[in-house]
Amino acid sequence: MVLARLGFEMRVIGTPPMRGLVVSNHLSYLDILFYGAAYPCVFVAKAEVRRWPMLGTLAALGGTVFIDRSSAASAAKAAARVQELLAAGVPVLVFPEGTSTDGAAVLRFYPSLFEPAVRAGAPVTAAAIGYSACGQATERDLCYYGDISFAPHLLQTLRLRGIRATLRFAPAGVVYENRKLAAALAREAVVELRDAGVGLEAD
């Protein structure tokens, strides 16, 4: 397992859904590694992820749906593919903030990313991820956000010891008929999961 080789630890709280759309806050490129290790799912990611060393290859091999955010045609094609997967009962995970953050707050969710679930009548399940590490490193140190360069941050991260992630899943998915409502309520659910604690000390 990739996580074991890297010396990473993980704890999963709740039961990952085996169908529907899973929506999570987004802190780092590590999110894909941990969620991918937690349960079988297909990710939706920005096109540039495909070019990331190691992680891009792993994402592509896992069937990730890549979106070129500058192309309306790419977005439409990706949405159609996600709807197809959801209708077939394949679990899909997306980060509706549209970018990774420093963990201080959960950003507004983009309603368009919920449209495939609305059209497929698929349940939407909230999830949250959080990080910690040994020593003086904070969750913010592990986050990849803003203008941080990928390669230096990856090397710095790999030098840290005792990196631990906790994934917390909501107890049940919700089927929505409106994408704006879905985005707003799903974000509230993710915020509640973050507030409930996503550290290893959480029960």
N, C-alpha and C. Protein backbone atom coordinates (compact mmCIF):
# COMPACT_ATOMS: atom_id res chain seq x y z
N MET A 1 0.84 -1.19 0.00
CA MET A 1 0.00 0.00 0.00
C MET A 1 0.88 1.25 0.00
N VAL A 2 0.47 2.24 -0.81
CA VAL A 2 1.25 3.47 -0.94
C VAL A 2 1.38 4.18 0.39
N LEU A 3 0.29 4.28 1.15
CA LEU A 3 0.32 5.00 2.42
C LEU A 3 1.31 4.38 3.39
N ALA A 4 1.33 3.06 3.47
CA ALA A 4 2.23 2.36 4.38
C ALA A 4 3.68 2.61 3.99
N ARG A 5 3.94 2.58 2.70
CA ARG A 5 5.31 2.82 2.22
C ARG A 5 5.79 4.23 2.57
N LEU A 6 4.85 5.17 2.57
CA LEU A 6 5.20 6.56 2.88
C LEU A 6 5.19 6.83 4.38
N GLY A 7 4.76 5.85 5.16
CA GLY A 7 4.71 6.02 6.61
C GLY A 7 3.52 6.82 7.09
N PHE A 8 2.46 6.89 6.28
CA PHE A 8 1.27 7.64 6.65
C PHE A 8 0.28 6.75 7.41
N GLU A 9 -0.52 7.37 8.28
CA GLU A 9 -1.55 6.66 9.01
C GLU A 9 -2.92 7.23 8.66
N MET A 10 -3.96 6.41 8.83
CA MET A 10 -5.31 6.85 8.50
C MET A 10 -6.32 6.25 9.45
N ARG A 11 -7.33 7.05 9.78
CA ARG A 11 -8.46 6.54 10.55
C ARG A 11 -9.74 6.94 9.83
N VAL A 12 -10.66 6.02 9.70
CA VAL A 12 -11.94 6.28 9.04
C VAL A 12 -13.05 6.20 10.09
N ILE A 13 -13.83 7.26 10.18
CA ILE A 13 -14.95 7.33 11.12
C ILE A 13 -16.24 7.35 10.31
N GLY A 14 -17.11 6.39 10.55
CA GLY A 14 -18.32 6.26 9.76
C GLY A 14 -18.09 5.25 8.64
N THR A 15 -19.12 5.02 7.88
CA THR A 15 -19.06 4.03 6.80
C THR A 15 -19.08 4.71 5.44
N PRO A 16 -18.03 4.54 4.63
CA PRO A 16 -18.02 5.11 3.29
C PRO A 16 -19.15 4.52 2.45
N PRO A 17 -19.91 5.34 1.74
CA PRO A 17 -21.01 4.83 0.93
C PRO A 17 -20.50 4.10 -0.31
N MET A 18 -21.20 3.08 -0.70
CA MET A 18 -20.80 2.29 -1.86
C MET A 18 -21.49 2.74 -3.15
N ARG A 19 -22.26 3.83 -3.07
CA ARG A 19 -22.86 4.41 -4.26
C ARG A 19 -23.14 5.88 -4.00
N GLY A 20 -23.38 6.61 -5.06
CA GLY A 20 -23.72 8.02 -4.93
C GLY A 20 -22.52 8.95 -4.97
N LEU A 21 -22.82 10.24 -4.79
CA LEU A 21 -21.79 11.28 -4.81
C LEU A 21 -21.33 11.58 -3.40
N VAL A 22 -20.02 11.55 -3.18
CA VAL A 22 -19.43 11.92 -1.90
C VAL A 22 -18.77 13.28 -2.07
N VAL A 23 -19.05 14.21 -1.17
CA VAL A 23 -18.49 15.56 -1.27
C VAL A 23 -17.69 15.86 -0.01
N SER A 24 -16.51 16.43 -0.20
CA SER A 24 -15.59 16.65 0.92
C SER A 24 -14.91 18.00 0.82
N ASN A 25 -14.45 18.49 1.97
CA ASN A 25 -13.54 19.63 1.97
C ASN A 25 -12.24 19.18 1.31
N HIS A 26 -11.43 20.15 0.89
CA HIS A 26 -10.22 19.82 0.13
C HIS A 26 -9.03 20.57 0.72
N LEU A 27 -8.05 19.81 1.22
CA LEU A 27 -6.89 20.41 1.88
C LEU A 27 -5.58 20.22 1.13
N SER A 28 -5.45 19.11 0.41
CA SER A 28 -4.15 18.78 -0.16
C SER A 28 -4.28 17.73 -1.26
N TYR A 29 -3.21 17.59 -2.03
CA TYR A 29 -3.13 16.51 -3.00
C TYR A 29 -3.17 15.15 -2.29
N LEU A 30 -2.84 15.14 -1.00
CA LEU A 30 -2.88 13.90 -0.22
C LEU A 30 -4.31 13.38 -0.06
N ASP A 31 -5.29 14.27 -0.18
CA ASP A 31 -6.68 13.87 0.01
C ASP A 31 -7.05 12.68 -0.88
N ILE A 32 -6.59 12.73 -2.13
CA ILE A 32 -6.91 11.66 -3.08
C ILE A 32 -6.30 10.34 -2.64
N LEU A 33 -5.08 10.38 -2.13
CA LEU A 33 -4.44 9.15 -1.66
C LEU A 33 -5.23 8.51 -0.52
N PHE A 34 -5.63 9.34 0.44
CA PHE A 34 -6.32 8.79 1.61
C PHE A 34 -7.73 8.32 1.29
N TYR A 35 -8.48 9.11 0.54
CA TYR A 35 -9.83 8.66 0.19
C TYR A 35 -9.77 7.43 -0.71
N GLY A 36 -8.79 7.39 -1.60
CA GLY A 36 -8.65 6.24 -2.48
C GLY A 36 -8.31 4.98 -1.71
N ALA A 37 -7.58 5.14 -0.60
CA ALA A 37 -7.23 3.98 0.23
C ALA A 37 -8.40 3.57 1.12
N ALA A 38 -9.29 4.51 1.43
CA ALA A 38 -10.41 4.23 2.33
C ALA A 38 -11.49 3.38 1.69
N TYR A 39 -11.75 3.62 0.41
CA TYR A 39 -12.80 2.85 -0.27
C TYR A 39 -12.70 3.07 -1.78
N PRO A 40 -13.25 2.14 -2.56
CA PRO A 40 -13.17 2.26 -4.02
C PRO A 40 -14.11 3.33 -4.54
N CYS A 41 -13.58 4.32 -5.22
CA CYS A 41 -14.41 5.39 -5.78
C CYS A 41 -13.69 6.01 -6.96
N VAL A 42 -14.42 6.77 -7.74
CA VAL A 42 -13.86 7.52 -8.85
C VAL A 42 -13.81 8.98 -8.45
N PHE A 43 -12.69 9.65 -8.68
CA PHE A 43 -12.53 11.05 -8.32
C PHE A 43 -12.84 11.97 -9.49
N VAL A 44 -13.21 13.19 -9.16
CA VAL A 44 -13.31 14.27 -10.13
C VAL A 44 -12.24 15.28 -9.75
N ALA A 45 -11.35 15.61 -10.69
CA ALA A 45 -10.23 16.49 -10.36
C ALA A 45 -9.92 17.43 -11.53
N LYS A 46 -9.26 18.54 -11.23
CA LYS A 46 -8.87 19.47 -12.27
C LYS A 46 -7.82 18.83 -13.16
N ALA A 47 -7.78 19.25 -14.43
CA ALA A 47 -6.94 18.62 -15.43
C ALA A 47 -5.46 18.63 -15.07
N GLU A 48 -4.99 19.66 -14.38
CA GLU A 48 -3.56 19.76 -14.07
C GLU A 48 -3.07 18.67 -13.13
N VAL A 49 -4.00 18.05 -12.39
CA VAL A 49 -3.61 16.96 -11.49
C VAL A 49 -2.96 15.83 -12.28
N ARG A 50 -3.40 15.64 -13.52
CA ARG A 50 -2.86 14.57 -14.35
C ARG A 50 -1.35 14.71 -14.55
N ARG A 51 -0.83 15.94 -14.44
CA ARG A 51 0.59 16.18 -14.69
C ARG A 51 1.44 16.11 -13.41
N TRP A 52 0.82 15.91 -12.25
CA TRP A 52 1.58 15.85 -11.01
C TRP A 52 2.39 14.56 -10.93
N PRO A 53 3.63 14.65 -10.47
CA PRO A 53 4.46 13.44 -10.32
C PRO A 53 3.79 12.41 -9.41
N MET A 54 3.81 11.17 -9.80
CA MET A 54 3.28 10.04 -9.05
C MET A 54 1.78 10.13 -8.83
N LEU A 55 1.31 11.23 -8.22
CA LEU A 55 -0.10 11.36 -7.90
C LEU A 55 -0.95 11.44 -9.15
N GLY A 56 -0.45 12.10 -10.18
CA GLY A 56 -1.18 12.20 -11.42
C GLY A 56 -1.36 10.85 -12.08
N THR A 57 -0.31 10.05 -12.04
CA THR A 57 -0.38 8.70 -12.61
C THR A 57 -1.36 7.83 -11.85
N LEU A 58 -1.30 7.90 -10.52
CA LEU A 58 -2.22 7.12 -9.69
C LEU A 58 -3.67 7.53 -9.94
N ALA A 59 -3.88 8.84 -10.07
CA ALA A 59 -5.23 9.34 -10.31
C ALA A 59 -5.77 8.83 -11.65
N ALA A 60 -4.93 8.89 -12.68
CA ALA A 60 -5.35 8.45 -14.01
C ALA A 60 -5.64 6.95 -14.01
N LEU A 61 -4.80 6.17 -13.35
CA LEU A 61 -5.01 4.73 -13.29
C LEU A 61 -6.29 4.37 -12.55
N GLY A 62 -6.70 5.25 -11.63
CA GLY A 62 -7.91 5.00 -10.86
C GLY A 62 -9.18 5.44 -11.57
N GLY A 63 -9.05 5.90 -12.80
CA GLY A 63 -10.22 6.29 -13.58
C GLY A 63 -10.74 7.69 -13.28
N THR A 64 -9.91 8.55 -12.70
CA THR A 64 -10.33 9.91 -12.36
C THR A 64 -10.92 10.64 -13.56
N VAL A 65 -12.00 11.37 -13.31
CA VAL A 65 -12.60 12.21 -14.34
C VAL A 65 -11.94 13.58 -14.24
N PHE A 66 -11.18 13.95 -15.25
CA PHE A 66 -10.45 15.22 -15.22
C PHE A 66 -11.26 16.32 -15.91
N ILE A 67 -11.24 17.52 -15.32
CA ILE A 67 -11.97 18.66 -15.86
C ILE A 67 -11.01 19.80 -16.17
N ASP A 68 -11.07 20.30 -17.39
CA ASP A 68 -10.35 21.52 -17.77
C ASP A 68 -11.30 22.67 -17.47
N ARG A 69 -11.05 23.39 -16.38
CA ARG A 69 -11.99 24.41 -15.93
C ARG A 69 -12.11 25.60 -16.87
N SER A 70 -11.19 25.70 -17.83
CA SER A 70 -11.26 26.80 -18.79
C SER A 70 -12.09 26.43 -20.02
N SER A 71 -12.57 25.20 -20.06
CA SER A 71 -13.30 24.71 -21.23
C SER A 71 -14.71 24.26 -20.84
N ALA A 72 -15.71 24.92 -21.42
CA ALA A 72 -17.10 24.55 -21.17
C ALA A 72 -17.38 23.15 -21.70
N ALA A 73 -16.76 22.82 -22.82
CA ALA A 73 -16.96 21.50 -23.41
C ALA A 73 -16.41 20.41 -22.50
N SER A 74 -15.25 20.67 -21.89
CA SER A 74 -14.65 19.70 -20.97
C SER A 74 -15.53 19.52 -19.75
N ALA A 75 -16.07 20.62 -19.22
CA ALA A 75 -16.93 20.54 -18.04
C ALA A 75 -18.20 19.74 -18.35
N ALA A 76 -18.77 19.97 -19.54
CA ALA A 76 -19.99 19.26 -19.93
C ALA A 76 -19.71 17.77 -20.11
N LYS A 77 -18.58 17.46 -20.71
CA LYS A 77 -18.20 16.06 -20.92
C LYS A 77 -17.97 15.36 -19.59
N ALA A 78 -17.31 16.05 -18.66
CA ALA A 78 -17.04 15.47 -17.34
C ALA A 78 -18.35 15.24 -16.58
N ALA A 79 -19.27 16.22 -16.65
CA ALA A 79 -20.55 16.08 -15.96
C ALA A 79 -21.33 14.89 -16.49
N ALA A 80 -21.30 14.71 -17.80
CA ALA A 80 -22.01 13.58 -18.41
C ALA A 80 -21.40 12.25 -17.94
N ARG A 81 -20.08 12.22 -17.85
CA ARG A 81 -19.41 11.00 -17.40
C ARG A 81 -19.74 10.69 -15.94
N VAL A 82 -19.77 11.72 -15.09
CA VAL A 82 -20.10 11.52 -13.68
C VAL A 82 -21.53 11.03 -13.54
N GLN A 83 -22.45 11.62 -14.31
CA GLN A 83 -23.84 11.18 -14.26
C GLN A 83 -23.96 9.71 -14.67
N GLU A 84 -23.20 9.34 -15.67
CA GLU A 84 -23.19 7.95 -16.15
C GLU A 84 -22.70 7.00 -15.06
N LEU A 85 -21.63 7.39 -14.38
CA LEU A 85 -21.09 6.57 -13.31
C LEU A 85 -22.06 6.43 -12.14
N LEU A 86 -22.68 7.55 -11.77
CA LEU A 86 -23.63 7.53 -10.66
C LEU A 86 -24.84 6.66 -10.99
N ALA A 87 -25.32 6.78 -12.21
CA ALA A 87 -26.47 5.98 -12.63
C ALA A 87 -26.15 4.49 -12.61
N ALA A 88 -24.86 4.16 -12.80
CA ALA A 88 -24.43 2.77 -12.80
C ALA A 88 -24.12 2.26 -11.39
N GLY A 89 -24.29 3.14 -10.40
CA GLY A 89 -24.04 2.72 -9.02
C GLY A 89 -22.60 2.82 -8.58
N VAL A 90 -21.77 3.53 -9.36
CA VAL A 90 -20.36 3.70 -9.01
C VAL A 90 -20.21 4.93 -8.10
N PRO A 91 -19.57 4.79 -6.95
CA PRO A 91 -19.37 5.96 -6.08
C PRO A 91 -18.37 6.94 -6.68
N VAL A 92 -18.72 8.22 -6.62
CA VAL A 92 -17.87 9.28 -7.17
C VAL A 92 -17.58 10.29 -6.07
N LEU A 93 -16.34 10.71 -5.94
CA LEU A 93 -15.96 11.70 -4.92
C LEU A 93 -15.50 12.98 -5.58
N VAL A 94 -16.04 14.09 -5.10
CA VAL A 94 -15.69 15.40 -5.65
C VAL A 94 -15.41 16.37 -4.51
N PHE A 95 -14.58 17.36 -4.81
CA PHE A 95 -14.25 18.42 -3.86
C PHE A 95 -14.94 19.70 -4.35
N PRO A 96 -16.16 19.99 -3.88
CA PRO A 96 -16.96 21.07 -4.46
C PRO A 96 -16.47 22.49 -4.19
N GLU A 97 -15.46 22.67 -3.33
CA GLU A 97 -14.90 24.01 -3.14
C GLU A 97 -14.18 24.47 -4.40
N GLY A 98 -13.77 23.50 -5.22
CA GLY A 98 -13.10 23.85 -6.47
C GLY A 98 -11.62 24.13 -6.33
N THR A 99 -11.12 24.13 -5.09
CA THR A 99 -9.71 24.36 -4.84
C THR A 99 -9.37 23.85 -3.45
N SER A 100 -8.11 23.65 -3.18
CA SER A 100 -7.70 23.24 -1.84
C SER A 100 -7.49 24.48 -0.97
N THR A 101 -7.60 24.32 0.34
CA THR A 101 -7.52 25.45 1.26
C THR A 101 -6.55 25.16 2.40
N ASP A 102 -6.40 26.15 3.28
CA ASP A 102 -5.53 25.97 4.45
C ASP A 102 -6.27 25.36 5.64
N GLY A 103 -7.52 24.98 5.44
CA GLY A 103 -8.28 24.33 6.49
C GLY A 103 -8.97 25.26 7.46
N ALA A 104 -8.78 26.57 7.32
CA ALA A 104 -9.37 27.52 8.26
C ALA A 104 -10.89 27.58 8.12
N ALA A 105 -11.39 27.35 6.92
CA ALA A 105 -12.84 27.40 6.68
C ALA A 105 -13.16 26.54 5.46
N VAL A 106 -14.42 26.11 5.38
CA VAL A 106 -14.89 25.38 4.20
C VAL A 106 -15.50 26.40 3.26
N LEU A 107 -14.97 26.50 2.05
CA LEU A 107 -15.44 27.49 1.10
C LEU A 107 -16.81 27.12 0.54
N ARG A 108 -17.41 28.07 -0.15
CA ARG A 108 -18.69 27.85 -0.84
C ARG A 108 -18.56 26.69 -1.82
N PHE A 109 -19.58 25.85 -1.90
CA PHE A 109 -19.59 24.73 -2.84
C PHE A 109 -20.19 25.17 -4.18
N TYR A 110 -19.60 24.70 -5.26
CA TYR A 110 -20.11 25.02 -6.60
C TYR A 110 -21.30 24.12 -6.93
N PRO A 111 -22.49 24.71 -7.14
CA PRO A 111 -23.69 23.91 -7.42
C PRO A 111 -23.57 23.04 -8.67
N SER A 112 -22.82 23.50 -9.67
CA SER A 112 -22.74 22.75 -10.92
C SER A 112 -22.19 21.34 -10.71
N LEU A 113 -21.37 21.15 -9.69
CA LEU A 113 -20.79 19.83 -9.44
C LEU A 113 -21.81 18.84 -8.87
N PHE A 114 -22.97 19.37 -8.47
CA PHE A 114 -24.03 18.52 -7.92
C PHE A 114 -25.06 18.12 -8.98
N GLU A 115 -25.01 18.77 -10.13
CA GLU A 115 -26.00 18.52 -11.17
C GLU A 115 -26.06 17.05 -11.61
N PRO A 116 -24.92 16.38 -11.79
CA PRO A 116 -24.99 14.96 -12.18
C PRO A 116 -25.73 14.10 -11.17
N ALA A 117 -25.56 14.38 -9.88
CA ALA A 117 -26.25 13.61 -8.84
C ALA A 117 -27.74 13.89 -8.86
N VAL A 118 -28.12 15.15 -9.08
CA VAL A 118 -29.53 15.52 -9.15
C VAL A 118 -30.19 14.81 -10.32
N ARG A 119 -29.53 14.82 -11.47
CA ARG A 119 -30.10 14.20 -12.66
C ARG A 119 -30.16 12.68 -12.54
N ALA A 120 -29.19 12.09 -11.86
CA ALA A 120 -29.16 10.63 -11.72
C ALA A 120 -30.01 10.15 -10.55
N GLY A 121 -30.50 11.09 -9.73
CA GLY A 121 -31.25 10.70 -8.54
C GLY A 121 -30.38 9.95 -7.55
N ALA A 122 -29.10 10.30 -7.52
CA ALA A 122 -28.14 9.61 -6.66
C ALA A 122 -27.99 10.33 -5.31
N PRO A 123 -27.79 9.59 -4.23
CA PRO A 123 -27.61 10.22 -2.92
C PRO A 123 -26.29 10.97 -2.83
N VAL A 124 -26.31 12.04 -2.06
CA VAL A 124 -25.11 12.85 -1.82
C VAL A 124 -24.71 12.67 -0.36
N THR A 125 -23.50 12.21 -0.13
CA THR A 125 -23.00 11.97 1.23
C THR A 125 -21.87 12.94 1.55
N ALA A 126 -21.97 13.60 2.69
CA ALA A 126 -20.92 14.53 3.13
C ALA A 126 -19.78 13.76 3.79
N ALA A 127 -18.57 14.27 3.61
CA ALA A 127 -17.39 13.70 4.25
C ALA A 127 -16.43 14.84 4.58
N ALA A 128 -15.53 14.58 5.51
CA ALA A 128 -14.54 15.61 5.86
C ALA A 128 -13.22 14.94 6.14
N ILE A 129 -12.15 15.65 5.82
CA ILE A 129 -10.80 15.13 6.05
C ILE A 129 -10.01 16.13 6.86
N GLY A 130 -9.15 15.63 7.73
CA GLY A 130 -8.28 16.47 8.53
C GLY A 130 -6.93 15.81 8.71
N TYR A 131 -5.91 16.60 9.01
CA TYR A 131 -4.54 16.09 9.12
C TYR A 131 -3.86 16.49 10.42
N SER A 132 -2.90 15.69 10.80
CA SER A 132 -1.99 16.03 11.90
C SER A 132 -0.66 15.35 11.63
N ALA A 133 0.37 15.76 12.35
CA ALA A 133 1.70 15.15 12.18
C ALA A 133 2.46 15.27 13.48
N CYS A 134 3.48 14.47 13.61
CA CYS A 134 4.31 14.51 14.82
C CYS A 134 5.12 15.81 14.83
N GLY A 135 5.56 16.20 15.99
CA GLY A 135 6.40 17.38 16.10
C GLY A 135 5.61 18.67 16.06
N GLN A 136 6.21 19.70 15.46
CA GLN A 136 5.62 21.03 15.45
C GLN A 136 4.73 21.29 14.24
N ALA A 137 4.66 20.37 13.32
CA ALA A 137 3.86 20.58 12.12
C ALA A 137 2.37 20.66 12.45
N THR A 138 1.68 21.60 11.82
CA THR A 138 0.24 21.78 12.02
C THR A 138 -0.50 21.30 10.77
N GLU A 139 -1.82 21.24 10.86
CA GLU A 139 -2.60 20.87 9.69
C GLU A 139 -2.32 21.84 8.54
N ARG A 140 -2.21 23.11 8.85
CA ARG A 140 -1.94 24.12 7.82
C ARG A 140 -0.64 23.83 7.07
N ASP A 141 0.36 23.31 7.77
CA ASP A 141 1.63 22.98 7.13
C ASP A 141 1.47 21.87 6.09
N LEU A 142 0.49 21.01 6.29
CA LEU A 142 0.26 19.90 5.38
C LEU A 142 -0.66 20.28 4.22
N CYS A 143 -1.36 21.40 4.37
CA CYS A 143 -2.28 21.83 3.32
C CYS A 143 -1.53 22.41 2.11
N TYR A 144 -2.10 22.19 0.94
CA TYR A 144 -1.52 22.70 -0.31
C TYR A 144 -2.52 23.70 -0.88
N TYR A 145 -2.19 24.98 -0.81
CA TYR A 145 -3.16 26.00 -1.15
C TYR A 145 -2.48 27.26 -1.68
N GLY A 146 -3.29 28.16 -2.23
CA GLY A 146 -2.78 29.44 -2.70
C GLY A 146 -1.70 29.31 -3.75
N ASP A 147 -0.61 30.04 -3.56
CA ASP A 147 0.48 30.07 -4.54
C ASP A 147 1.62 29.12 -4.19
N ILE A 148 1.39 28.19 -3.28
CA ILE A 148 2.42 27.23 -2.90
C ILE A 148 2.80 26.38 -4.11
N SER A 149 4.11 26.18 -4.31
CA SER A 149 4.59 25.36 -5.43
C SER A 149 4.51 23.89 -5.07
N PHE A 150 4.08 23.07 -6.02
CA PHE A 150 3.82 21.67 -5.75
C PHE A 150 5.07 20.90 -5.33
N ALA A 151 6.12 20.92 -6.14
CA ALA A 151 7.30 20.09 -5.87
C ALA A 151 7.95 20.38 -4.51
N PRO A 152 8.25 21.66 -4.18
CA PRO A 152 8.84 21.94 -2.86
C PRO A 152 7.94 21.51 -1.71
N HIS A 153 6.63 21.71 -1.88
CA HIS A 153 5.71 21.32 -0.81
C HIS A 153 5.67 19.81 -0.64
N LEU A 154 5.71 19.08 -1.75
CA LEU A 154 5.71 17.61 -1.67
C LEU A 154 6.96 17.11 -0.96
N LEU A 155 8.11 17.67 -1.30
CA LEU A 155 9.36 17.24 -0.65
C LEU A 155 9.34 17.56 0.83
N GLN A 156 8.81 18.73 1.17
CA GLN A 156 8.71 19.12 2.59
C GLN A 156 7.78 18.17 3.33
N THR A 157 6.67 17.82 2.70
CA THR A 157 5.69 16.92 3.31
C THR A 157 6.29 15.54 3.54
N LEU A 158 7.03 15.03 2.57
CA LEU A 158 7.62 13.70 2.68
C LEU A 158 8.69 13.63 3.76
N ARG A 159 9.23 14.78 4.15
CA ARG A 159 10.24 14.80 5.22
C ARG A 159 9.61 14.76 6.61
N LEU A 160 8.31 15.04 6.68
CA LEU A 160 7.63 15.04 7.98
C LEU A 160 7.39 13.61 8.46
N ARG A 161 7.28 13.44 9.75
CA ARG A 161 7.06 12.13 10.32
C ARG A 161 5.68 12.07 10.99
N GLY A 162 5.10 10.89 10.96
CA GLY A 162 3.83 10.69 11.66
C GLY A 162 2.66 11.42 11.05
N ILE A 163 2.61 11.55 9.72
CA ILE A 163 1.46 12.19 9.08
C ILE A 163 0.24 11.30 9.24
N ARG A 164 -0.82 11.89 9.74
CA ARG A 164 -2.04 11.12 10.02
C ARG A 164 -3.25 11.85 9.46
N ALA A 165 -4.13 11.11 8.84
CA ALA A 165 -5.37 11.68 8.31
C ALA A 165 -6.55 10.98 8.93
N THR A 166 -7.60 11.74 9.20
CA THR A 166 -8.85 11.17 9.66
C THR A 166 -9.94 11.56 8.67
N LEU A 167 -10.67 10.56 8.21
CA LEU A 167 -11.79 10.77 7.30
C LEU A 167 -13.07 10.48 8.06
N ARG A 168 -13.99 11.41 8.04
CA ARG A 168 -15.26 11.23 8.74
C ARG A 168 -16.40 11.31 7.72
N PHE A 169 -17.24 10.28 7.68
CA PHE A 169 -18.36 10.23 6.74
C PHE A 169 -19.69 10.43 7.47
N ALA A 170 -20.59 11.18 6.84
CA ALA A 170 -21.94 11.36 7.39
C ALA A 170 -22.64 10.01 7.41
N PRO A 171 -23.59 9.81 8.32
CA PRO A 171 -24.25 8.50 8.46
C PRO A 171 -25.13 8.09 7.28
N ALA A 172 -25.60 9.06 6.49
CA ALA A 172 -26.49 8.71 5.38
C ALA A 172 -26.42 9.75 4.28
N GLY A 173 -26.67 9.30 3.05
CA GLY A 173 -26.72 10.20 1.92
C GLY A 173 -28.10 10.80 1.75
N VAL A 174 -28.18 11.91 1.02
CA VAL A 174 -29.45 12.60 0.78
C VAL A 174 -29.64 12.78 -0.71
N VAL A 175 -30.85 12.49 -1.20
CA VAL A 175 -31.17 12.71 -2.61
C VAL A 175 -31.80 14.10 -2.75
N TYR A 176 -31.22 14.92 -3.61
CA TYR A 176 -31.70 16.29 -3.80
C TYR A 176 -32.33 16.45 -5.19
N GLU A 177 -33.27 17.40 -5.28
CA GLU A 177 -33.89 17.71 -6.56
C GLU A 177 -33.43 19.05 -7.10
N ASN A 178 -32.61 19.75 -6.32
CA ASN A 178 -32.14 21.07 -6.71
C ASN A 178 -30.65 21.19 -6.39
N ARG A 179 -29.85 21.55 -7.38
CA ARG A 179 -28.40 21.55 -7.18
C ARG A 179 -27.93 22.65 -6.24
N LYS A 180 -28.61 23.81 -6.25
CA LYS A 180 -28.21 24.89 -5.35
C LYS A 180 -28.49 24.51 -3.90
N LEU A 181 -29.63 23.90 -3.67
CA LEU A 181 -29.95 23.45 -2.32
C LEU A 181 -28.97 22.36 -1.90
N ALA A 182 -28.66 21.46 -2.83
CA ALA A 182 -27.72 20.39 -2.54
C ALA A 182 -26.36 20.95 -2.13
N ALA A 183 -25.88 21.95 -2.86
CA ALA A 183 -24.58 22.55 -2.57
C ALA A 183 -24.57 23.21 -1.20
N ALA A 184 -25.64 23.94 -0.89
CA ALA A 184 -25.69 24.67 0.38
C ALA A 184 -25.79 23.71 1.57
N LEU A 185 -26.68 22.72 1.48
CA LEU A 185 -26.88 21.80 2.61
C LEU A 185 -25.70 20.84 2.77
N ALA A 186 -25.12 20.42 1.64
CA ALA A 186 -23.96 19.53 1.73
C ALA A 186 -22.78 20.25 2.37
N ARG A 187 -22.61 21.52 2.04
CA ARG A 187 -21.52 22.28 2.66
C ARG A 187 -21.74 22.39 4.17
N GLU A 188 -22.98 22.64 4.59
CA GLU A 188 -23.28 22.71 6.03
C GLU A 188 -22.93 21.38 6.71
N ALA A 189 -23.22 20.28 6.04
CA ALA A 189 -22.94 18.96 6.61
C ALA A 189 -21.44 18.73 6.74
N VAL A 190 -20.67 19.18 5.75
CA VAL A 190 -19.21 19.03 5.80
C VAL A 190 -18.64 19.89 6.93
N VAL A 191 -19.16 21.11 7.08
CA VAL A 191 -18.71 21.99 8.17
C VAL A 191 -18.98 21.33 9.52
N GLU A 192 -20.15 20.70 9.67
CA GLU A 192 -20.49 20.02 10.92
C GLU A 192 -19.52 18.88 11.20
N LEU A 193 -19.15 18.15 10.17
CA LEU A 193 -18.19 17.05 10.33
C LEU A 193 -16.82 17.58 10.75
N ARG A 194 -16.42 18.70 10.15
CA ARG A 194 -15.14 19.30 10.54
C ARG A 194 -15.21 19.77 11.99
N ASP A 195 -16.32 20.39 12.36
CA ASP A 195 -16.48 20.89 13.73
C ASP A 195 -16.53 19.75 14.73
N ALA A 196 -17.03 18.60 14.29
CA ALA A 196 -17.11 17.44 15.18
C ALA A 196 -15.75 16.87 15.49
N GLY A 197 -14.77 17.23 14.67
CA GLY A 197 -13.41 16.78 14.91
C GLY A 197 -12.99 15.73 13.90
N VAL A 198 -11.90 15.98 13.21
CA VAL A 198 -11.37 15.01 12.26
C VAL A 198 -9.93 14.66 12.62
N GLY A 199 -9.58 14.85 13.89
CA GLY A 199 -8.27 14.44 14.37
C GLY A 199 -8.34 13.00 14.86
N LEU A 200 -7.21 12.38 15.10
CA LEU A 200 -7.20 11.00 15.55
C LEU A 200 -7.80 10.83 16.93
N GLU A 201 -7.91 11.92 17.67
CA GLU A 201 -8.49 11.81 19.00
C GLU A 201 -10.01 11.75 18.96
N ALA A 202 -10.60 12.02 17.77
CA ALA A 202 -12.06 12.01 17.68
C ALA A 202 -12.61 10.61 17.83
N ASP A 203 -13.77 10.50 18.41
CA ASP A 203 -14.43 9.21 18.58
C ASP A 203 -15.34 8.95 17.39
